[in-house]
Structure formats: C-alpha cells, structure tokens
Amino acid sequence: PLSPRVTVCDMAEVPLAAESVDVAVFCLALMGTN
C-alpha cells in the first residue's frame, strides 16, 4: 500500500464480485508468469 486507497492482494485474486466493474486497467503492471 503506497496509498491508503490500496487493497493489498495478489492480482490473480482480487476481492471483487464477478461482473462488478466496467473497466479493468493494467498500466505498466501486467507482470508475472501467470
């Protein structure tokens, strides 16, 4: 958490319900072998 707004988690398991967002963003953050 570089900001209080950050939810700390693995990007492969975010705590959001299915079909709950309109836009998903990976800005220079598409990392990892998975």
PDB file of all heavy atoms in Angstrom:
ATOM      1  N   PRO A   1       0.814  -1.228   0.000  1.00  0.00           N
ATOM      2  CA  PRO A   1       0.000   0.000   0.000  1.00  0.00           C
ATOM      3  C   PRO A   1       0.847   1.278   0.000  1.00  0.00           C
ATOM      4  O   PRO A   1       1.318   1.710   1.034  1.00  0.00           O
ATOM      5  CB  PRO A   1      -0.798  -0.126   1.306  1.00  0.00           C
ATOM      6  CG  PRO A   1       0.089  -0.908   2.214  1.00  0.00           C
ATOM      7  CD  PRO A   1       0.863  -1.854   1.333  1.00  0.00           C
ATOM      8  N   LEU A   2       1.025   1.870  -1.194  1.00  0.00           N
ATOM      9  CA  LEU A   2       1.697   3.171  -1.279  1.00  0.00           C
ATOM     10  C   LEU A   2       0.716   4.293  -0.952  1.00  0.00           C
ATOM     11  O   LEU A   2       1.101   5.439  -0.850  1.00  0.00           O
ATOM     12  CB  LEU A   2       2.279   3.402  -2.680  1.00  0.00           C
ATOM     13  CG  LEU A   2       3.474   2.554  -3.086  1.00  0.00           C
ATOM     14  CD1 LEU A   2       3.953   2.949  -4.465  1.00  0.00           C
ATOM     15  CD2 LEU A   2       4.603   2.656  -2.071  1.00  0.00           C
ATOM     16  N   SER A   3      -0.556   3.947  -0.833  1.00  0.00           N
ATOM     17  CA  SER A   3      -1.618   4.898  -0.526  1.00  0.00           C
ATOM     18  C   SER A   3      -2.641   4.150   0.327  1.00  0.00           C
ATOM     19  O   SER A   3      -2.806   2.937   0.180  1.00  0.00           O
ATOM     20  CB  SER A   3      -2.261   5.380  -1.832  1.00  0.00           C
ATOM     21  OG  SER A   3      -3.575   5.851  -1.609  1.00  0.00           O
ATOM     22  N   PRO A   4      -3.363   4.887   1.188  1.00  0.00           N
ATOM     23  CA  PRO A   4      -4.418   4.227   1.982  1.00  0.00           C
ATOM     24  C   PRO A   4      -5.536   3.639   1.110  1.00  0.00           C
ATOM     25  O   PRO A   4      -6.286   2.784   1.568  1.00  0.00           O
ATOM     26  CB  PRO A   4      -4.967   5.350   2.862  1.00  0.00           C
ATOM     27  CG  PRO A   4      -3.965   6.449   2.815  1.00  0.00           C
ATOM     28  CD  PRO A   4      -3.195   6.284   1.534  1.00  0.00           C
ATOM     29  N   ARG A   5      -5.637   4.082  -0.147  1.00  0.00           N
ATOM     30  CA  ARG A   5      -6.671   3.580  -1.060  1.00  0.00           C
ATOM     31  C   ARG A   5      -6.405   2.159  -1.548  1.00  0.00           C
ATOM     32  O   ARG A   5      -7.290   1.503  -2.091  1.00  0.00           O
ATOM     33  CB  ARG A   5      -6.752   4.467  -2.311  1.00  0.00           C
ATOM     34  CG  ARG A   5      -7.279   5.838  -2.062  1.00  0.00           C
ATOM     35  CD  ARG A   5      -7.221   6.622  -3.359  1.00  0.00           C
ATOM     36  NE  ARG A   5      -8.200   7.687  -3.344  1.00  0.00           N
ATOM     37  CZ  ARG A   5      -8.318   8.598  -4.286  1.00  0.00           C
ATOM     38  NH1 ARG A   5      -7.534   8.561  -5.338  1.00  0.00           N
ATOM     39  NH2 ARG A   5      -9.226   9.540  -4.200  1.00  0.00           N
ATOM     40  N   VAL A   6      -5.162   1.690  -1.398  1.00  0.00           N
ATOM     41  CA  VAL A   6      -4.749   0.406  -1.966  1.00  0.00           C
ATOM     42  C   VAL A   6      -5.262  -0.776  -1.152  1.00  0.00           C
ATOM     43  O   VAL A   6      -5.133  -0.801   0.067  1.00  0.00           O
ATOM     44  CB  VAL A   6      -3.203   0.321  -2.056  1.00  0.00           C
ATOM     45  CG1 VAL A   6      -2.760  -1.052  -2.559  1.00  0.00           C
ATOM     46  CG2 VAL A   6      -2.650   1.415  -2.961  1.00  0.00           C
ATOM     47  N   THR A   7      -5.853  -1.736  -1.858  1.00  0.00           N
ATOM     48  CA  THR A   7      -6.172  -3.033  -1.267  1.00  0.00           C
ATOM     49  C   THR A   7      -5.015  -3.950  -1.639  1.00  0.00           C
ATOM     50  O   THR A   7      -4.723  -4.140  -2.827  1.00  0.00           O
ATOM     51  CB  THR A   7      -7.494  -3.594  -1.829  1.00  0.00           C
ATOM     52  OG1 THR A   7      -8.554  -2.704  -1.490  1.00  0.00           O
ATOM     53  CG2 THR A   7      -7.783  -4.978  -1.277  1.00  0.00           C
ATOM     54  N   VAL A   8      -4.334  -4.484  -0.638  1.00  0.00           N
ATOM     55  CA  VAL A   8      -3.180  -5.349  -0.875  1.00  0.00           C
ATOM     56  C   VAL A   8      -3.668  -6.756  -1.217  1.00  0.00           C
ATOM     57  O   VAL A   8      -4.454  -7.340  -0.477  1.00  0.00           O
ATOM     58  CB  VAL A   8      -2.261  -5.379   0.373  1.00  0.00           C
ATOM     59  CG1 VAL A   8      -1.121  -6.377   0.180  1.00  0.00           C
ATOM     60  CG2 VAL A   8      -1.719  -3.991   0.669  1.00  0.00           C
ATOM     61  N   CYS A   9      -3.223  -7.256  -2.371  1.00  0.00           N
ATOM     62  CA  CYS A   9      -3.613  -8.604  -2.791  1.00  0.00           C
ATOM     63  C   CYS A   9      -2.772  -9.039  -3.982  1.00  0.00           C
ATOM     64  O   CYS A   9      -2.074  -8.240  -4.605  1.00  0.00           O
ATOM     65  CB  CYS A   9      -5.095  -8.656  -3.153  1.00  0.00           C
ATOM     66  SG  CYS A   9      -5.551  -7.613  -4.543  1.00  0.00           S
ATOM     67  N   ASP A  10      -2.887 -10.317  -4.287  1.00  0.00           N
ATOM     68  CA  ASP A  10      -2.308 -10.913  -5.481  1.00  0.00           C
ATOM     69  C   ASP A  10      -3.236 -10.524  -6.641  1.00  0.00           C
ATOM     70  O   ASP A  10      -4.457 -10.631  -6.508  1.00  0.00           O
ATOM     71  CB  ASP A  10      -2.281 -12.428  -5.253  1.00  0.00           C
ATOM     72  CG  ASP A  10      -1.794 -13.247  -6.438  1.00  0.00           C
ATOM     73  OD1 ASP A  10      -1.653 -12.704  -7.550  1.00  0.00           O
ATOM     74  OD2 ASP A  10      -1.582 -14.450  -6.246  1.00  0.00           O
ATOM     75  N   MET A  11      -2.684 -10.082  -7.757  1.00  0.00           N
ATOM     76  CA  MET A  11      -3.515  -9.643  -8.883  1.00  0.00           C
ATOM     77  C   MET A  11      -4.325 -10.791  -9.492  1.00  0.00           C
ATOM     78  O   MET A  11      -5.255 -10.559 -10.260  1.00  0.00           O
ATOM     79  CB  MET A  11      -2.670  -8.982  -9.977  1.00  0.00           C
ATOM     80  CG  MET A  11      -1.943  -7.711  -9.553  1.00  0.00           C
ATOM     81  SD  MET A  11      -2.960  -6.512  -8.697  1.00  0.00           S
ATOM     82  CE  MET A  11      -2.292  -6.621  -7.057  1.00  0.00           C
ATOM     83  N   ALA A  12      -3.973 -12.031  -9.148  1.00  0.00           N
ATOM     84  CA  ALA A  12      -4.731 -13.183  -9.649  1.00  0.00           C
ATOM     85  C   ALA A  12      -5.929 -13.496  -8.752  1.00  0.00           C
ATOM     86  O   ALA A  12      -6.722 -14.376  -9.074  1.00  0.00           O
ATOM     87  CB  ALA A  12      -3.819 -14.410  -9.749  1.00  0.00           C
ATOM     88  N   GLU A  13      -6.058 -12.752  -7.637  1.00  0.00           N
ATOM     89  CA  GLU A  13      -7.166 -12.969  -6.698  1.00  0.00           C
ATOM     90  C   GLU A  13      -7.562 -11.642  -6.057  1.00  0.00           C
ATOM     91  O   GLU A  13      -7.177 -11.367  -4.927  1.00  0.00           O
ATOM     92  CB  GLU A  13      -6.751 -13.948  -5.591  1.00  0.00           C
ATOM     93  CG  GLU A  13      -6.509 -15.350  -6.050  1.00  0.00           C
ATOM     94  CD  GLU A  13      -6.107 -16.258  -4.898  1.00  0.00           C
ATOM     95  OE1 GLU A  13      -6.851 -16.301  -3.887  1.00  0.00           O
ATOM     96  OE2 GLU A  13      -5.048 -16.886  -5.000  1.00  0.00           O
ATOM     97  N   VAL A  14      -8.339 -10.834  -6.765  1.00  0.00           N
ATOM     98  CA  VAL A  14      -8.765  -9.552  -6.189  1.00  0.00           C
ATOM     99  C   VAL A  14     -10.122  -9.723  -5.500  1.00  0.00           C
ATOM    100  O   VAL A  14     -10.960 -10.496  -5.958  1.00  0.00           O
ATOM    101  CB  VAL A  14      -8.821  -8.415  -7.247  1.00  0.00           C
ATOM    102  CG1 VAL A  14      -7.442  -8.159  -7.852  1.00  0.00           C
ATOM    103  CG2 VAL A  14      -9.825  -8.705  -8.335  1.00  0.00           C
ATOM    104  N   PRO A  15     -10.319  -9.023  -4.394  1.00  0.00           N
ATOM    105  CA  PRO A  15     -11.572  -9.186  -3.647  1.00  0.00           C
ATOM    106  C   PRO A  15     -12.728  -8.367  -4.233  1.00  0.00           C
ATOM    107  O   PRO A  15     -13.200  -7.405  -3.642  1.00  0.00           O
ATOM    108  CB  PRO A  15     -11.194  -8.705  -2.242  1.00  0.00           C
ATOM    109  CG  PRO A  15     -10.105  -7.705  -2.475  1.00  0.00           C
ATOM    110  CD  PRO A  15      -9.357  -8.180  -3.685  1.00  0.00           C
ATOM    111  N   LEU A  16     -13.152  -8.759  -5.423  1.00  0.00           N
ATOM    112  CA  LEU A  16     -14.296  -8.127  -6.086  1.00  0.00           C
ATOM    113  C   LEU A  16     -15.252  -9.207  -6.550  1.00  0.00           C
ATOM    114  O   LEU A  16     -14.824 -10.309  -6.934  1.00  0.00           O
ATOM    115  CB  LEU A  16     -13.852  -7.316  -7.308  1.00  0.00           C
ATOM    116  CG  LEU A  16     -13.169  -5.976  -7.091  1.00  0.00           C
ATOM    117  CD1 LEU A  16     -12.758  -5.377  -8.438  1.00  0.00           C
ATOM    118  CD2 LEU A  16     -14.057  -4.999  -6.346  1.00  0.00           C
ATOM    119  N   ALA A  17     -16.513  -8.868  -6.566  1.00  0.00           N
ATOM    120  CA  ALA A  17     -17.519  -9.798  -7.072  1.00  0.00           C
ATOM    121  C   ALA A  17     -17.378  -9.940  -8.587  1.00  0.00           C
ATOM    122  O   ALA A  17     -16.891  -9.031  -9.266  1.00  0.00           O
ATOM    123  CB  ALA A  17     -18.918  -9.280  -6.727  1.00  0.00           C
ATOM    124  N   ALA A  18     -17.821 -11.053  -9.104  1.00  0.00           N
ATOM    125  CA  ALA A  18     -17.833 -11.272 -10.552  1.00  0.00           C
ATOM    126  C   ALA A  18     -18.714 -10.212 -11.210  1.00  0.00           C
ATOM    127  O   ALA A  18     -19.720  -9.791 -10.640  1.00  0.00           O
ATOM    128  CB  ALA A  18     -18.352 -12.668 -10.868  1.00  0.00           C
ATOM    129  N   GLU A  19     -18.301  -9.776 -12.392  1.00  0.00           N
ATOM    130  CA  GLU A  19     -19.055  -8.800 -13.192  1.00  0.00           C
ATOM    131  C   GLU A  19     -19.441  -7.560 -12.397  1.00  0.00           C
ATOM    132  O   GLU A  19     -20.578  -7.107 -12.442  1.00  0.00           O
ATOM    133  CB  GLU A  19     -20.295  -9.469 -13.786  1.00  0.00           C
ATOM    134  CG  GLU A  19     -19.941 -10.622 -14.707  1.00  0.00           C
ATOM    135  CD  GLU A  19     -21.143 -11.245 -15.382  1.00  0.00           C
ATOM    136  OE1 GLU A  19     -22.139 -10.528 -15.638  1.00  0.00           O
ATOM    137  OE2 GLU A  19     -21.087 -12.456 -15.667  1.00  0.00           O
ATOM    138  N   SER A  20     -18.455  -6.985 -11.673  1.00  0.00           N
ATOM    139  CA  SER A  20     -18.741  -5.818 -10.828  1.00  0.00           C
ATOM    140  C   SER A  20     -18.084  -4.522 -11.298  1.00  0.00           C
ATOM    141  O   SER A  20     -18.334  -3.471 -10.731  1.00  0.00           O
ATOM    142  CB  SER A  20     -18.313  -6.103  -9.378  1.00  0.00           C
ATOM    143  OG  SER A  20     -16.919  -6.387  -9.324  1.00  0.00           O
ATOM    144  N   VAL A  21     -17.252  -4.592 -12.354  1.00  0.00           N
ATOM    145  CA  VAL A  21     -16.597  -3.365 -12.831  1.00  0.00           C
ATOM    146  C   VAL A  21     -16.791  -3.191 -14.332  1.00  0.00           C
ATOM    147  O   VAL A  21     -16.999  -4.159 -15.066  1.00  0.00           O
ATOM    148  CB  VAL A  21     -15.086  -3.322 -12.475  1.00  0.00           C
ATOM    149  CG1 VAL A  21     -14.852  -3.412 -10.978  1.00  0.00           C
ATOM    150  CG2 VAL A  21     -14.290  -4.373 -13.206  1.00  0.00           C
ATOM    151  N   ASP A  22     -16.714  -1.941 -14.744  1.00  0.00           N
ATOM    152  CA  ASP A  22     -16.887  -1.611 -16.165  1.00  0.00           C
ATOM    153  C   ASP A  22     -15.561  -1.559 -16.913  1.00  0.00           C
ATOM    154  O   ASP A  22     -15.507  -1.805 -18.116  1.00  0.00           O
ATOM    155  CB  ASP A  22     -17.576  -0.241 -16.297  1.00  0.00           C
ATOM    156  CG  ASP A  22     -18.927  -0.226 -15.621  1.00  0.00           C
ATOM    157  OD1 ASP A  22     -19.850  -0.863 -16.150  1.00  0.00           O
ATOM    158  OD2 ASP A  22     -19.056   0.402 -14.541  1.00  0.00           O
ATOM    159  N   VAL A  23     -14.497  -1.194 -16.199  1.00  0.00           N
ATOM    160  CA  VAL A  23     -13.174  -1.031 -16.816  1.00  0.00           C
ATOM    161  C   VAL A  23     -12.122  -1.663 -15.909  1.00  0.00           C
ATOM    162  O   VAL A  23     -12.070  -1.365 -14.716  1.00  0.00           O
ATOM    163  CB  VAL A  23     -12.832   0.469 -17.023  1.00  0.00           C
ATOM    164  CG1 VAL A  23     -11.471   0.621 -17.714  1.00  0.00           C
ATOM    165  CG2 VAL A  23     -13.915   1.185 -17.823  1.00  0.00           C
ATOM    166  N   ALA A  24     -11.301  -2.532 -16.479  1.00  0.00           N
ATOM    167  CA  ALA A  24     -10.165  -3.104 -15.755  1.00  0.00           C
ATOM    168  C   ALA A  24      -8.894  -2.548 -16.400  1.00  0.00           C
ATOM    169  O   ALA A  24      -8.778  -2.532 -17.629  1.00  0.00           O
ATOM    170  CB  ALA A  24     -10.176  -4.621 -15.830  1.00  0.00           C
ATOM    171  N   VAL A  25      -7.962  -2.081 -15.566  1.00  0.00           N
ATOM    172  CA  VAL A  25      -6.759  -1.406 -16.064  1.00  0.00           C
ATOM    173  C   VAL A  25      -5.502  -2.120 -15.571  1.00  0.00           C
ATOM    174  O   VAL A  25      -5.376  -2.440 -14.386  1.00  0.00           O
ATOM    175  CB  VAL A  25      -6.728   0.064 -15.575  1.00  0.00           C
ATOM    176  CG1 VAL A  25      -5.414   0.743 -15.949  1.00  0.00           C
ATOM    177  CG2 VAL A  25      -7.916   0.842 -16.135  1.00  0.00           C
ATOM    178  N   PHE A  26      -4.577  -2.344 -16.499  1.00  0.00           N
ATOM    179  CA  PHE A  26      -3.210  -2.772 -16.184  1.00  0.00           C
ATOM    180  C   PHE A  26      -2.300  -1.744 -16.829  1.00  0.00           C
ATOM    181  O   PHE A  26      -2.082  -1.787 -18.038  1.00  0.00           O
ATOM    182  CB  PHE A  26      -2.898  -4.158 -16.766  1.00  0.00           C
ATOM    183  CG  PHE A  26      -3.601  -5.286 -16.079  1.00  0.00           C
ATOM    184  CD1 PHE A  26      -4.852  -5.704 -16.508  1.00  0.00           C
ATOM    185  CD2 PHE A  26      -3.009  -5.936 -15.005  1.00  0.00           C
ATOM    186  CE1 PHE A  26      -5.511  -6.758 -15.885  1.00  0.00           C
ATOM    187  CE2 PHE A  26      -3.667  -6.987 -14.370  1.00  0.00           C
ATOM    188  CZ  PHE A  26      -4.916  -7.397 -14.812  1.00  0.00           C
ATOM    189  N   CYS A  27      -1.812  -0.805 -16.058  1.00  0.00           N
ATOM    190  CA  CYS A  27      -0.946   0.240 -16.605  1.00  0.00           C
ATOM    191  C   CYS A  27       0.484  -0.030 -16.137  1.00  0.00           C
ATOM    192  O   CYS A  27       0.829   0.229 -14.977  1.00  0.00           O
ATOM    193  CB  CYS A  27      -1.417   1.617 -16.134  1.00  0.00           C
ATOM    194  SG  CYS A  27      -0.496   2.953 -16.916  1.00  0.00           S
ATOM    195  N   LEU A  28       1.275  -0.582 -17.045  1.00  0.00           N
ATOM    196  CA  LEU A  28       2.654  -0.988 -16.744  1.00  0.00           C
ATOM    197  C   LEU A  28       2.679  -1.932 -15.552  1.00  0.00           C
ATOM    198  O   LEU A  28       3.550  -1.862 -14.697  1.00  0.00           O
ATOM    199  CB  LEU A  28       3.542   0.245 -16.495  1.00  0.00           C
ATOM    200  CG  LEU A  28       3.565   1.268 -17.631  1.00  0.00           C
ATOM    201  CD1 LEU A  28       4.329   2.509 -17.235  1.00  0.00           C
ATOM    202  CD2 LEU A  28       4.157   0.654 -18.894  1.00  0.00           C
ATOM    203  N   ALA A  29       1.684  -2.784 -15.466  1.00  0.00           N
ATOM    204  CA  ALA A  29       1.542  -3.668 -14.308  1.00  0.00           C
ATOM    205  C   ALA A  29       1.203  -5.103 -14.690  1.00  0.00           C
ATOM    206  O   ALA A  29       0.848  -5.887 -13.833  1.00  0.00           O
ATOM    207  CB  ALA A  29       0.454  -3.110 -13.396  1.00  0.00           C
ATOM    208  N   LEU A  30       1.315  -5.431 -15.945  1.00  0.00           N
ATOM    209  CA  LEU A  30       0.995  -6.792 -16.382  1.00  0.00           C
ATOM    210  C   LEU A  30       2.253  -7.632 -16.204  1.00  0.00           C
ATOM    211  O   LEU A  30       3.041  -7.816 -17.122  1.00  0.00           O
ATOM    212  CB  LEU A  30       0.537  -6.781 -17.838  1.00  0.00           C
ATOM    213  CG  LEU A  30      -0.311  -7.940 -18.303  1.00  0.00           C
ATOM    214  CD1 LEU A  30      -1.490  -8.201 -17.378  1.00  0.00           C
ATOM    215  CD2 LEU A  30      -0.807  -7.691 -19.700  1.00  0.00           C
ATOM    216  N   MET A  31       2.465  -8.075 -14.966  1.00  0.00           N
ATOM    217  CA  MET A  31       3.704  -8.770 -14.615  1.00  0.00           C
ATOM    218  C   MET A  31       3.406 -10.177 -14.155  1.00  0.00           C
ATOM    219  O   MET A  31       2.301 -10.487 -13.754  1.00  0.00           O
ATOM    220  CB  MET A  31       4.410  -8.026 -13.486  1.00  0.00           C
ATOM    221  CG  MET A  31       4.800  -6.629 -13.847  1.00  0.00           C
ATOM    222  SD  MET A  31       5.519  -5.828 -12.419  1.00  0.00           S
ATOM    223  CE  MET A  31       6.318  -4.460 -13.221  1.00  0.00           C
ATOM    224  N   GLY A  32       4.423 -11.001 -14.173  1.00  0.00           N
ATOM    225  CA  GLY A  32       4.300 -12.352 -13.660  1.00  0.00           C
ATOM    226  C   GLY A  32       4.159 -13.363 -14.773  1.00  0.00           C
ATOM    227  O   GLY A  32       3.743 -13.039 -15.886  1.00  0.00           O
ATOM    228  N   THR A  33       4.504 -14.580 -14.452  1.00  0.00           N
ATOM    229  CA  THR A  33       4.459 -15.654 -15.443  1.00  0.00           C
ATOM    230  C   THR A  33       3.061 -16.243 -15.570  1.00  0.00           C
ATOM    231  O   THR A  33       2.783 -16.964 -16.516  1.00  0.00           O
ATOM    232  CB  THR A  33       5.447 -16.780 -15.037  1.00  0.00           C
ATOM    233  OG1 THR A  33       5.163 -17.156 -13.689  1.00  0.00           O
ATOM    234  CG2 THR A  33       6.882 -16.317 -15.150  1.00  0.00           C
ATOM    235  N   ASN A  34       2.179 -15.892 -14.633  1.00  0.00           N
ATOM    236  CA  ASN A  34       0.809 -16.428 -14.667  1.00  0.00           C
ATOM    237  C   ASN A  34      -0.169 -15.409 -15.267  1.00  0.00           C
ATOM    238  O   ASN A  34      -1.227 -15.149 -14.722  1.00  0.00           O
ATOM    239  CB  ASN A  34       0.369 -16.873 -13.268  1.00  0.00           C
ATOM    240  CG  ASN A  34       0.455 -15.760 -12.235  1.00  0.00           C
ATOM    241  OD1 ASN A  34       1.300 -14.883 -12.304  1.00  0.00           O
ATOM    242  ND2 ASN A  34      -0.423 -15.797 -11.253  1.00  0.00           N
TER     243      ASN A  34
END
